[in-house]
Amino acid sequence: ELENQLTTKSRTLDELKQSLALNGSAEQTPEAQSLRITELCDMVDSIVSQVAQFKTSMQSVLEQWRVYDEVYAEVSLMTTRYLYCIEQCKSSVVTLEALENQVKTLQ
């Protein structure tokens, strides 16, 4: 979205540059206008560069979150398995209530 907005602003800036070149302005000299337009173009280029860096950083963060989610799911599954094994080892006498609790835990 930012890239689209920057593209639109760049086009607007180019149109402004062409308009000022054709019409001129009584308030500023052409040299001052040209200098100001150059400054604006430099600012746009800087913002485009910053957006590209931000996009790269966000892709890295998203990849790290993906890895985190995978590891979290694996750890969660392992924890459930260990809890089940511990519950199996605890009870030497199997009762109906113990089996119902195991079924609930597994569900």
PDB file of N, CA and C in Angstrom:
ATOM      1  N   GLU A   1       0.834  -1.190   0.000  1.00  0.00           N
ATOM      2  CA  GLU A   1       0.000   0.000   0.000  1.00  0.00           C
ATOM      3  C   GLU A   1       0.879   1.254   0.000  1.00  0.00           C
ATOM      4  N   LEU A   2       1.934   1.224   0.834  1.00  0.00           N
ATOM      5  CA  LEU A   2       2.858   2.364   0.868  1.00  0.00           C
ATOM      6  C   LEU A   2       3.533   2.565  -0.485  1.00  0.00           C
ATOM      7  N   GLU A   3       3.906   1.466  -1.103  1.00  0.00           N
ATOM      8  CA  GLU A   3       4.557   1.576  -2.406  1.00  0.00           C
ATOM      9  C   GLU A   3       3.611   2.189  -3.439  1.00  0.00           C
ATOM     10  N   ASN A   4       2.347   1.814  -3.395  1.00  0.00           N
ATOM     11  CA  ASN A   4       1.364   2.397  -4.321  1.00  0.00           C
ATOM     12  C   ASN A   4       1.192   3.887  -4.059  1.00  0.00           C
ATOM     13  N   GLN A   5       1.124   4.268  -2.793  1.00  0.00           N
ATOM     14  CA  GLN A   5       0.998   5.687  -2.462  1.00  0.00           C
ATOM     15  C   GLN A   5       2.225   6.468  -2.917  1.00  0.00           C
ATOM     16  N   LEU A   6       3.397   5.879  -2.728  1.00  0.00           N
ATOM     17  CA  LEU A   6       4.625   6.559  -3.174  1.00  0.00           C
ATOM     18  C   LEU A   6       4.648   6.725  -4.683  1.00  0.00           C
ATOM     19  N   THR A   7       4.186   5.723  -5.403  1.00  0.00           N
ATOM     20  CA  THR A   7       4.126   5.826  -6.859  1.00  0.00           C
ATOM     21  C   THR A   7       3.186   6.947  -7.275  1.00  0.00           C
ATOM     22  N   THR A   8       2.038   7.028  -6.624  1.00  0.00           N
ATOM     23  CA  THR A   8       1.073   8.092  -6.922  1.00  0.00           C
ATOM     24  C   THR A   8       1.667   9.463  -6.623  1.00  0.00           C
ATOM     25  N   LYS A   9       2.330   9.587  -5.484  1.00  0.00           N
ATOM     26  CA  LYS A   9       2.941  10.871  -5.109  1.00  0.00           C
ATOM     27  C   LYS A   9       4.057  11.244  -6.083  1.00  0.00           C
ATOM     28  N   SER A  10       4.798  10.251  -6.539  1.00  0.00           N
ATOM     29  CA  SER A  10       5.863  10.524  -7.510  1.00  0.00           C
ATOM     30  C   SER A  10       5.283  11.052  -8.811  1.00  0.00           C
ATOM     31  N   ARG A  11       4.185  10.459  -9.250  1.00  0.00           N
ATOM     32  CA  ARG A  11       3.524  10.950 -10.472  1.00  0.00           C
ATOM     33  C   ARG A  11       3.029  12.379 -10.282  1.00  0.00           C
ATOM     34  N   THR A  12       2.431  12.643  -9.129  1.00  0.00           N
ATOM     35  CA  THR A  12       1.945  13.992  -8.834  1.00  0.00           C
ATOM     36  C   THR A  12       3.096  14.984  -8.841  1.00  0.00           C
ATOM     37  N   LEU A  13       4.217  14.580  -8.270  1.00  0.00           N
ATOM     38  CA  LEU A  13       5.402  15.437  -8.237  1.00  0.00           C
ATOM     39  C   LEU A  13       5.918  15.698  -9.648  1.00  0.00           C
ATOM     40  N   ASP A  14       5.928  14.676 -10.487  1.00  0.00           N
ATOM     41  CA  ASP A  14       6.355  14.856 -11.881  1.00  0.00           C
ATOM     42  C   ASP A  14       5.412  15.804 -12.627  1.00  0.00           C
ATOM     43  N   GLU A  15       4.114  15.652 -12.387  1.00  0.00           N
ATOM     44  CA  GLU A  15       3.143  16.553 -13.014  1.00  0.00           C
ATOM     45  C   GLU A  15       3.348  17.991 -12.551  1.00  0.00           C
ATOM     46  N   LEU A  16       3.620  18.148 -11.253  1.00  0.00           N
ATOM     47  CA  LEU A  16       3.879  19.480 -10.708  1.00  0.00           C
ATOM     48  C   LEU A  16       5.133  20.070 -11.344  1.00  0.00           C
ATOM     49  N   LYS A  17       6.151  19.250 -11.504  1.00  0.00           N
ATOM     50  CA  LYS A  17       7.395  19.710 -12.118  1.00  0.00           C
ATOM     51  C   LYS A  17       7.137  20.193 -13.551  1.00  0.00           C
ATOM     52  N   GLN A  18       6.366  19.423 -14.308  1.00  0.00           N
ATOM     53  CA  GLN A  18       6.052  19.804 -15.678  1.00  0.00           C
ATOM     54  C   GLN A  18       5.191  21.065 -15.713  1.00  0.00           C
ATOM     55  N   SER A  19       4.246  21.144 -14.812  1.00  0.00           N
ATOM     56  CA  SER A  19       3.367  22.310 -14.766  1.00  0.00           C
ATOM     57  C   SER A  19       4.142  23.582 -14.442  1.00  0.00           C
ATOM     58  N   LEU A  20       5.046  23.484 -13.485  1.00  0.00           N
ATOM     59  CA  LEU A  20       5.837  24.653 -13.116  1.00  0.00           C
ATOM     60  C   LEU A  20       6.810  25.033 -14.231  1.00  0.00           C
ATOM     61  N   ALA A  21       7.294  24.046 -14.929  1.00  0.00           N
ATOM     62  CA  ALA A  21       8.212  24.337 -16.032  1.00  0.00           C
ATOM     63  C   ALA A  21       7.484  25.077 -17.151  1.00  0.00           C
ATOM     64  N   LEU A  22       6.220  24.721 -17.366  1.00  0.00           N
ATOM     65  CA  LEU A  22       5.447  25.373 -18.424  1.00  0.00           C
ATOM     66  C   LEU A  22       4.923  26.744 -18.000  1.00  0.00           C
ATOM     67  N   ASN A  23       4.374  26.830 -16.805  1.00  0.00           N
ATOM     68  CA  ASN A  23       3.699  28.054 -16.353  1.00  0.00           C
ATOM     69  C   ASN A  23       4.601  29.019 -15.605  1.00  0.00           C
ATOM     70  N   GLY A  24       5.502  28.502 -14.824  1.00  0.00           N
ATOM     71  CA  GLY A  24       6.328  29.371 -14.004  1.00  0.00           C
ATOM     72  C   GLY A  24       5.513  29.917 -12.847  1.00  0.00           C
ATOM     73  N   SER A  25       6.139  30.660 -11.968  1.00  0.00           N
ATOM     74  CA  SER A  25       5.445  31.242 -10.818  1.00  0.00           C
ATOM     75  C   SER A  25       6.040  32.605 -10.514  1.00  0.00           C
ATOM     76  N   ALA A  26       5.165  33.521 -10.189  1.00  0.00           N
ATOM     77  CA  ALA A  26       5.625  34.869  -9.869  1.00  0.00           C
ATOM     78  C   ALA A  26       6.233  34.927  -8.480  1.00  0.00           C
ATOM     79  N   GLU A  27       5.851  33.989  -7.618  1.00  0.00           N
ATOM     80  CA  GLU A  27       6.315  34.017  -6.233  1.00  0.00           C
ATOM     81  C   GLU A  27       7.753  33.538  -6.092  1.00  0.00           C
ATOM     82  N   GLN A  28       8.148  32.588  -6.911  1.00  0.00           N
ATOM     83  CA  GLN A  28       9.496  32.034  -6.809  1.00  0.00           C
ATOM     84  C   GLN A  28      10.168  32.077  -8.165  1.00  0.00           C
ATOM     85  N   THR A  29      11.475  32.145  -8.095  1.00  0.00           N
ATOM     86  CA  THR A  29      12.242  32.113  -9.339  1.00  0.00           C
ATOM     87  C   THR A  29      12.281  30.681  -9.844  1.00  0.00           C
ATOM     88  N   PRO A  30      12.495  30.505 -11.120  1.00  0.00           N
ATOM     89  CA  PRO A  30      12.585  29.133 -11.653  1.00  0.00           C
ATOM     90  C   PRO A  30      13.683  28.308 -10.982  1.00  0.00           C
ATOM     91  N   GLU A  31      14.775  28.987 -10.614  1.00  0.00           N
ATOM     92  CA  GLU A  31      15.863  28.266  -9.954  1.00  0.00           C
ATOM     93  C   GLU A  31      15.419  27.758  -8.578  1.00  0.00           C
ATOM     94  N   ALA A  32      14.682  28.590  -7.832  1.00  0.00           N
ATOM     95  CA  ALA A  32      14.195  28.192  -6.509  1.00  0.00           C
ATOM     96  C   ALA A  32      13.183  27.054  -6.627  1.00  0.00           C
ATOM     97  N   GLN A  33      12.327  27.156  -7.641  1.00  0.00           N
ATOM     98  CA  GLN A  33      11.346  26.094  -7.859  1.00  0.00           C
ATOM     99  C   GLN A  33      12.053  24.784  -8.212  1.00  0.00           C
ATOM    100  N   SER A  34      13.034  24.885  -9.072  1.00  0.00           N
ATOM    101  CA  SER A  34      13.771  23.705  -9.489  1.00  0.00           C
ATOM    102  C   SER A  34      14.482  23.068  -8.299  1.00  0.00           C
ATOM    103  N   LEU A  35      15.075  23.908  -7.442  1.00  0.00           N
ATOM    104  CA  LEU A  35      15.768  23.409  -6.259  1.00  0.00           C
ATOM    105  C   LEU A  35      14.784  22.710  -5.322  1.00  0.00           C
ATOM    106  N   ARG A  36      13.618  23.312  -5.111  1.00  0.00           N
ATOM    107  CA  ARG A  36      12.598  22.727  -4.231  1.00  0.00           C
ATOM    108  C   ARG A  36      12.084  21.400  -4.800  1.00  0.00           C
ATOM    109  N   ILE A  37      11.872  21.343  -6.087  1.00  0.00           N
ATOM    110  CA  ILE A  37      11.410  20.104  -6.717  1.00  0.00           C
ATOM    111  C   ILE A  37      12.482  19.028  -6.591  1.00  0.00           C
ATOM    112  N   THR A  38      13.742  19.402  -6.754  1.00  0.00           N
ATOM    113  CA  THR A  38      14.839  18.444  -6.596  1.00  0.00           C
ATOM    114  C   THR A  38      14.878  17.906  -5.173  1.00  0.00           C
ATOM    115  N   GLU A  39      14.675  18.790  -4.192  1.00  0.00           N
ATOM    116  CA  GLU A  39      14.634  18.357  -2.792  1.00  0.00           C
ATOM    117  C   GLU A  39      13.488  17.370  -2.569  1.00  0.00           C
ATOM    118  N   LEU A  40      12.321  17.656  -3.133  1.00  0.00           N
ATOM    119  CA  LEU A  40      11.169  16.765  -2.998  1.00  0.00           C
ATOM    120  C   LEU A  40      11.446  15.408  -3.648  1.00  0.00           C
ATOM    121  N   CYS A  41      12.086  15.422  -4.805  1.00  0.00           N
ATOM    122  CA  CYS A  41      12.431  14.160  -5.470  1.00  0.00           C
ATOM    123  C   CYS A  41      13.406  13.348  -4.618  1.00  0.00           C
ATOM    124  N   ASP A  42      14.387  14.039  -4.016  1.00  0.00           N
ATOM    125  CA  ASP A  42      15.329  13.347  -3.133  1.00  0.00           C
ATOM    126  C   ASP A  42      14.614  12.742  -1.935  1.00  0.00           C
ATOM    127  N   MET A  43      13.642  13.489  -1.389  1.00  0.00           N
ATOM    128  CA  MET A  43      12.870  12.968  -0.257  1.00  0.00           C
ATOM    129  C   MET A  43      12.076  11.734  -0.669  1.00  0.00           C
ATOM    130  N   VAL A  44      11.464  11.768  -1.824  1.00  0.00           N
ATOM    131  CA  VAL A  44      10.701  10.618  -2.321  1.00  0.00           C
ATOM    132  C   VAL A  44      11.628   9.419  -2.494  1.00  0.00           C
ATOM    133  N   ASP A  45      12.807   9.633  -3.085  1.00  0.00           N
ATOM    134  CA  ASP A  45      13.763   8.541  -3.259  1.00  0.00           C
ATOM    135  C   ASP A  45      14.178   7.955  -1.913  1.00  0.00           C
ATOM    136  N   SER A  46      14.393   8.812  -0.930  1.00  0.00           N
ATOM    137  CA  SER A  46      14.766   8.361   0.410  1.00  0.00           C
ATOM    138  C   SER A  46      13.646   7.523   1.026  1.00  0.00           C
ATOM    139  N   ILE A  47      12.410   7.977   0.871  1.00  0.00           N
ATOM    140  CA  ILE A  47      11.267   7.240   1.428  1.00  0.00           C
ATOM    141  C   ILE A  47      11.110   5.899   0.726  1.00  0.00           C
ATOM    142  N   VAL A  48      11.292   5.878  -0.573  1.00  0.00           N
ATOM    143  CA  VAL A  48      11.209   4.616  -1.323  1.00  0.00           C
ATOM    144  C   VAL A  48      12.255   3.636  -0.798  1.00  0.00           C
ATOM    145  N   SER A  49      13.452   4.127  -0.546  1.00  0.00           N
ATOM    146  CA  SER A  49      14.517   3.280  -0.012  1.00  0.00           C
ATOM    147  C   SER A  49      14.158   2.762   1.378  1.00  0.00           C
ATOM    148  N   GLN A  50      13.608   3.636   2.220  1.00  0.00           N
ATOM    149  CA  GLN A  50      13.214   3.230   3.568  1.00  0.00           C
ATOM    150  C   GLN A  50      12.101   2.192   3.532  1.00  0.00           C
ATOM    151  N   VAL A  51      11.149   2.356   2.626  1.00  0.00           N
ATOM    152  CA  VAL A  51      10.060   1.389   2.492  1.00  0.00           C
ATOM    153  C   VAL A  51      10.619   0.035   2.050  1.00  0.00           C
ATOM    154  N   ALA A  52      11.579   0.033   1.148  1.00  0.00           N
ATOM    155  CA  ALA A  52      12.187  -1.221   0.699  1.00  0.00           C
ATOM    156  C   ALA A  52      12.897  -1.920   1.863  1.00  0.00           C
ATOM    157  N   GLN A  53      13.618  -1.149   2.679  1.00  0.00           N
ATOM    158  CA  GLN A  53      14.287  -1.717   3.843  1.00  0.00           C
ATOM    159  C   GLN A  53      13.266  -2.255   4.840  1.00  0.00           C
ATOM    160  N   PHE A  54      12.193  -1.516   5.039  1.00  0.00           N
ATOM    161  CA  PHE A  54      11.139  -1.937   5.957  1.00  0.00           C
ATOM    162  C   PHE A  54      10.500  -3.237   5.474  1.00  0.00           C
ATOM    163  N   LYS A  55      10.264  -3.319   4.180  1.00  0.00           N
ATOM    164  CA  LYS A  55       9.662  -4.518   3.594  1.00  0.00           C
ATOM    165  C   LYS A  55      10.569  -5.724   3.817  1.00  0.00           C
ATOM    166  N   THR A  56      11.870  -5.556   3.621  1.00  0.00           N
ATOM    167  CA  THR A  56      12.829  -6.636   3.846  1.00  0.00           C
ATOM    168  C   THR A  56      12.817  -7.059   5.315  1.00  0.00           C
ATOM    169  N   SER A  57      12.797  -6.081   6.211  1.00  0.00           N
ATOM    170  CA  SER A  57      12.764  -6.387   7.646  1.00  0.00           C
ATOM    171  C   SER A  57      11.491  -7.133   8.020  1.00  0.00           C
ATOM    172  N   MET A  58      10.374  -6.706   7.476  1.00  0.00           N
ATOM    173  CA  MET A  58       9.102  -7.353   7.794  1.00  0.00           C
ATOM    174  C   MET A  58       9.071  -8.782   7.268  1.00  0.00           C
ATOM    175  N   GLN A  59       9.658  -9.029   6.112  1.00  0.00           N
ATOM    176  CA  GLN A  59       9.715 -10.389   5.593  1.00  0.00           C
ATOM    177  C   GLN A  59      10.533 -11.278   6.519  1.00  0.00           C
ATOM    178  N   SER A  60      11.618 -10.732   7.044  1.00  0.00           N
ATOM    179  CA  SER A  60      12.447 -11.480   7.986  1.00  0.00           C
ATOM    180  C   SER A  60      11.662 -11.786   9.267  1.00  0.00           C
ATOM    181  N   VAL A  61      10.943 -10.800   9.764  1.00  0.00           N
ATOM    182  CA  VAL A  61      10.139 -10.992  10.978  1.00  0.00           C
ATOM    183  C   VAL A  61       9.053 -12.043  10.738  1.00  0.00           C
ATOM    184  N   LEU A  62       8.393 -11.980   9.600  1.00  0.00           N
ATOM    185  CA  LEU A  62       7.357 -12.963   9.276  1.00  0.00           C
ATOM    186  C   LEU A  62       7.930 -14.377   9.203  1.00  0.00           C
ATOM    187  N   GLU A  63       9.117 -14.501   8.636  1.00  0.00           N
ATOM    188  CA  GLU A  63       9.771 -15.809   8.574  1.00  0.00           C
ATOM    189  C   GLU A  63      10.086 -16.320   9.967  1.00  0.00           C
ATOM    190  N   GLN A  64      10.555 -15.442  10.849  1.00  0.00           N
ATOM    191  CA  GLN A  64      10.855 -15.832  12.230  1.00  0.00           C
ATOM    192  C   GLN A  64       9.584 -16.266  12.964  1.00  0.00           C
ATOM    193  N   TRP A  65       8.479 -15.575  12.740  1.00  0.00           N
ATOM    194  CA  TRP A  65       7.208 -15.964  13.352  1.00  0.00           C
ATOM    195  C   TRP A  65       6.753 -17.318  12.824  1.00  0.00           C
ATOM    196  N   ARG A  66       6.945 -17.577  11.551  1.00  0.00           N
ATOM    197  CA  ARG A  66       6.566 -18.865  10.979  1.00  0.00           C
ATOM    198  C   ARG A  66       7.343 -19.992  11.659  1.00  0.00           C
ATOM    199  N   VAL A  67       8.652 -19.789  11.819  1.00  0.00           N
ATOM    200  CA  VAL A  67       9.491 -20.783  12.490  1.00  0.00           C
ATOM    201  C   VAL A  67       9.030 -20.959  13.936  1.00  0.00           C
ATOM    202  N   TYR A  68       8.734 -19.850  14.605  1.00  0.00           N
ATOM    203  CA  TYR A  68       8.257 -19.910  15.993  1.00  0.00           C
ATOM    204  C   TYR A  68       6.972 -20.736  16.084  1.00  0.00           C
ATOM    205  N   ASP A  69       6.022 -20.493  15.187  1.00  0.00           N
ATOM    206  CA  ASP A  69       4.766 -21.240  15.200  1.00  0.00           C
ATOM    207  C   ASP A  69       4.994 -22.735  15.013  1.00  0.00           C
ATOM    208  N   GLU A  70       5.885 -23.090  14.107  1.00  0.00           N
ATOM    209  CA  GLU A  70       6.185 -24.507  13.881  1.00  0.00           C
ATOM    210  C   GLU A  70       6.791 -25.143  15.125  1.00  0.00           C
ATOM    211  N   VAL A  71       7.762 -24.471  15.733  1.00  0.00           N
ATOM    212  CA  VAL A  71       8.420 -25.004  16.926  1.00  0.00           C
ATOM    213  C   VAL A  71       7.431 -25.074  18.090  1.00  0.00           C
ATOM    214  N   TYR A  72       6.591 -24.058  18.227  1.00  0.00           N
ATOM    215  CA  TYR A  72       5.598 -24.046  19.300  1.00  0.00           C
ATOM    216  C   TYR A  72       4.638 -25.231  19.163  1.00  0.00           C
ATOM    217  N   ALA A  73       4.184 -25.508  17.957  1.00  0.00           N
ATOM    218  CA  ALA A  73       3.279 -26.634  17.726  1.00  0.00           C
ATOM    219  C   ALA A  73       3.966 -27.954  18.088  1.00  0.00           C
ATOM    220  N   GLU A  74       5.219 -28.081  17.717  1.00  0.00           N
ATOM    221  CA  GLU A  74       5.972 -29.294  18.025  1.00  0.00           C
ATOM    222  C   GLU A  74       6.155 -29.461  19.531  1.00  0.00           C
ATOM    223  N   VAL A  75       6.510 -28.391  20.224  1.00  0.00           N
ATOM    224  CA  VAL A  75       6.696 -28.442  21.679  1.00  0.00           C
ATOM    225  C   VAL A  75       5.373 -28.744  22.377  1.00  0.00           C
ATOM    226  N   SER A  76       4.310 -28.160  21.892  1.00  0.00           N
ATOM    227  CA  SER A  76       3.000 -28.415  22.478  1.00  0.00           C
ATOM    228  C   SER A  76       2.617 -29.887  22.347  1.00  0.00           C
ATOM    229  N   LEU A  77       2.861 -30.468  21.187  1.00  0.00           N
ATOM    230  CA  LEU A  77       2.566 -31.874  20.967  1.00  0.00           C
ATOM    231  C   LEU A  77       3.421 -32.752  21.876  1.00  0.00           C
ATOM    232  N   MET A  78       4.701 -32.428  21.982  1.00  0.00           N
ATOM    233  CA  MET A  78       5.588 -33.209  22.850  1.00  0.00           C
ATOM    234  C   MET A  78       5.146 -33.116  24.303  1.00  0.00           C
ATOM    235  N   THR A  79       4.737 -31.942  24.740  1.00  0.00           N
ATOM    236  CA  THR A  79       4.272 -31.757  26.113  1.00  0.00           C
ATOM    237  C   THR A  79       3.041 -32.607  26.384  1.00  0.00           C
ATOM    238  N   THR A  80       2.124 -32.630  25.439  1.00  0.00           N
ATOM    239  CA  THR A  80       0.923 -33.446  25.590  1.00  0.00           C
ATOM    240  C   THR A  80       1.289 -34.926  25.692  1.00  0.00           C
ATOM    241  N   ARG A  81       2.229 -35.357  24.872  1.00  0.00           N
ATOM    242  CA  ARG A  81       2.666 -36.757  24.925  1.00  0.00           C
ATOM    243  C   ARG A  81       3.296 -37.097  26.274  1.00  0.00           C
ATOM    244  N   TYR A  82       4.155 -36.192  26.782  1.00  0.00           N
ATOM    245  CA  TYR A  82       4.805 -36.442  28.073  1.00  0.00           C
ATOM    246  C   TYR A  82       3.781 -36.473  29.195  1.00  0.00           C
ATOM    247  N   LEU A  83       2.828 -35.576  29.162  1.00  0.00           N
ATOM    248  CA  LEU A  83       1.787 -35.582  30.195  1.00  0.00           C
ATOM    249  C   LEU A  83       1.003 -36.891  30.153  1.00  0.00           C
ATOM    250  N   TYR A  84       0.723 -37.362  28.965  1.00  0.00           N
ATOM    251  CA  TYR A  84       0.003 -38.625  28.826  1.00  0.00           C
ATOM    252  C   TYR A  84       0.830 -39.778  29.403  1.00  0.00           C
ATOM    253  N   CYS A  85       2.119 -39.802  29.084  1.00  0.00           N
ATOM    254  CA  CYS A  85       2.994 -40.858  29.604  1.00  0.00           C
ATOM    255  C   CYS A  85       3.074 -40.804  31.123  1.00  0.00           C
ATOM    256  N   ILE A  86       3.160 -39.618  31.682  1.00  0.00           N
ATOM    257  CA  ILE A  86       3.225 -39.468  33.137  1.00  0.00           C
ATOM    258  C   ILE A  86       1.936 -39.984  33.771  1.00  0.00           C
ATOM    259  N   GLU A  87       0.828 -39.650  33.160  1.00  0.00           N
ATOM    260  CA  GLU A  87      -0.455 -40.122  33.675  1.00  0.00           C
ATOM    261  C   GLU A  87      -0.537 -41.645  33.594  1.00  0.00           C
ATOM    262  N   GLN A  88       0.012 -42.233  32.560  1.00  0.00           N
ATOM    263  CA  GLN A  88       0.000 -43.687  32.421  1.00  0.00           C
ATOM    264  C   GLN A  88       0.842 -44.351  33.508  1.00  0.00           C
ATOM    265  N   CYS A  89       1.962 -43.736  33.833  1.00  0.00           N
ATOM    266  CA  CYS A  89       2.860 -44.306  34.828  1.00  0.00           C
ATOM    267  C   CYS A  89       2.329 -44.160  36.248  1.00  0.00           C
ATOM    268  N   LYS A  90       1.535 -43.157  36.516  1.00  0.00           N
ATOM    269  CA  LYS A  90       1.032 -42.886  37.857  1.00  0.00           C
ATOM    270  C   LYS A  90       0.112 -43.996  38.356  1.00  0.00           C
ATOM    271  N   SER A  91      -0.857 -44.305  37.583  1.00  0.00           N
ATOM    272  CA  SER A  91      -1.900 -45.205  38.074  1.00  0.00           C
ATOM    273  C   SER A  91      -1.536 -46.658  37.821  1.00  0.00           C
ATOM    274  N   SER A  92      -1.399 -47.398  38.921  1.00  0.00           N
ATOM    275  CA  SER A  92      -1.129 -48.816  38.785  1.00  0.00           C
ATOM    276  C   SER A  92      -2.442 -49.592  38.706  1.00  0.00           C
ATOM    277  N   VAL A  93      -3.504 -49.014  39.297  1.00  0.00           N
ATOM    278  CA  VAL A  93      -4.816 -49.627  39.232  1.00  0.00           C
ATOM    279  C   VAL A  93      -5.650 -48.788  38.275  1.00  0.00           C
ATOM    280  N   VAL A  94      -6.157 -49.410  37.244  1.00  0.00           N
ATOM    281  CA  VAL A  94      -6.956 -48.699  36.264  1.00  0.00           C
ATOM    282  C   VAL A  94      -8.406 -48.744  36.711  1.00  0.00           C
ATOM    283  N   THR A  95      -8.977 -47.541  36.857  1.00  0.00           N
ATOM    284  CA  THR A  95     -10.386 -47.454  37.223  1.00  0.00           C
ATOM    285  C   THR A  95     -11.130 -46.821  36.063  1.00  0.00           C
ATOM    286  N   LEU A  96     -12.435 -46.935  36.125  1.00  0.00           N
ATOM    287  CA  LEU A  96     -13.260 -46.320  35.093  1.00  0.00           C
ATOM    288  C   LEU A  96     -13.069 -44.807  35.095  1.00  0.00           C
ATOM    289  N   GLU A  97     -12.985 -44.235  36.274  1.00  0.00           N
ATOM    290  CA  GLU A  97     -12.790 -42.781  36.392  1.00  0.00           C
ATOM    291  C   GLU A  97     -11.443 -42.364  35.788  1.00  0.00           C
ATOM    292  N   ALA A  98     -10.407 -43.129  36.016  1.00  0.00           N
ATOM    293  CA  ALA A  98      -9.088 -42.825  35.467  1.00  0.00           C
ATOM    294  C   ALA A  98      -9.122 -42.904  33.945  1.00  0.00           C
ATOM    295  N   LEU A  99      -9.791 -43.910  33.416  1.00  0.00           N
ATOM    296  CA  LEU A  99      -9.900 -44.026  31.958  1.00  0.00           C
ATOM    297  C   LEU A  99     -10.694 -42.863  31.363  1.00  0.00           C
ATOM    298  N   GLU A 100     -11.771 -42.453  32.040  1.00  0.00           N
ATOM    299  CA  GLU A 100     -12.557 -41.298  31.563  1.00  0.00           C
ATOM    300  C   GLU A 100     -11.716 -40.030  31.568  1.00  0.00           C
ATOM    301  N   ASN A 101     -10.897 -39.853  32.600  1.00  0.00           N
ATOM    302  CA  ASN A 101     -10.011 -38.678  32.672  1.00  0.00           C
ATOM    303  C   ASN A 101      -8.987 -38.700  31.541  1.00  0.00           C
ATOM    304  N   GLN A 102      -8.487 -39.886  31.223  1.00  0.00           N
ATOM    305  CA  GLN A 102      -7.522 -40.008  30.127  1.00  0.00           C
ATOM    306  C   GLN A 102      -8.172 -39.676  28.790  1.00  0.00           C
ATOM    307  N   VAL A 103      -9.398 -40.145  28.615  1.00  0.00           N
ATOM    308  CA  VAL A 103     -10.118 -39.839  27.388  1.00  0.00           C
ATOM    309  C   VAL A 103     -10.342 -38.334  27.268  1.00  0.00           C
ATOM    310  N   LYS A 104     -10.727 -37.702  28.361  1.00  0.00           N
ATOM    311  CA  LYS A 104     -10.932 -36.243  28.347  1.00  0.00           C
ATOM    312  C   LYS A 104      -9.634 -35.522  28.030  1.00  0.00           C
ATOM    313  N   THR A 105      -8.556 -35.973  28.619  1.00  0.00           N
ATOM    314  CA  THR A 105      -7.254 -35.349  28.366  1.00  0.00           C
ATOM    315  C   THR A 105      -6.850 -35.495  26.902  1.00  0.00           C
ATOM    316  N   LEU A 106      -7.064 -36.661  26.349  1.00  0.00           N
ATOM    317  CA  LEU A 106      -6.709 -36.874  24.944  1.00  0.00           C
ATOM    318  C   LEU A 106      -7.584 -36.084  24.006  1.00  0.00           C
ATOM    319  N   GLN A 107      -8.846 -35.915  24.374  1.00  0.00           N
ATOM    320  CA  GLN A 107      -9.744 -35.129  23.508  1.00  0.00           C
ATOM    321  C   GLN A 107      -9.334 -33.685  23.527  1.00  0.00           C
TER     322      GLN A 107
END
